Amino acid sequence: MSTRIIDDDGMIHMGYYEIQGLFSQYNRMVNWQDSRNNIRAHVVFSNDTPSWRRHDFTLEARTYRFWNCEKAFIDGMGGYSIFAGSLDGSDYTRIEHVDWIVEDAYMEPEYYDRMMAVLEGRSTGRAGRTQPASHLI
């Protein structure tokens, strides 16, 4: 498990791939089709990305919001797509196949806390399936 850092705004920073793994685990334990179980995270791509070197994108343009209900996080969906939108609204794209350099990834505290309550067995989710905490990988 990577180091998790809480910043001054309460955002929980961790590895991008760790978030992906946690989303997959969470989706196995809740009814991900129920919008009340949706959680989100953000990934920030670096301005040092080779294909971006001629641009100086703002932080909001480089930060993409994605949700747990993407195919890549759902067992048996037959797809690996992760659609995400930039915070400034300038782009909406599939981010799982881009060659952009990840600078940061984080979750807002309310989504992180809700996810961890399910993963630690303290909650089954608002509309989730009940499974024991030993189900965690």
Foldseek 3Di string as FASTA:
>chain_A
DFDWDQDPQRKTWDDPVVVLLLLLQLVVLFVLVPVQLKFKKKWFFDCPFVVNVVDDDDRQQRIWMWISPDPLSYPPPPDNWTWTARNVRPDIDTDPPDSTHTDIMTGHVVRVVQSVCCLCVVDSGPHTHDDHNVSGD
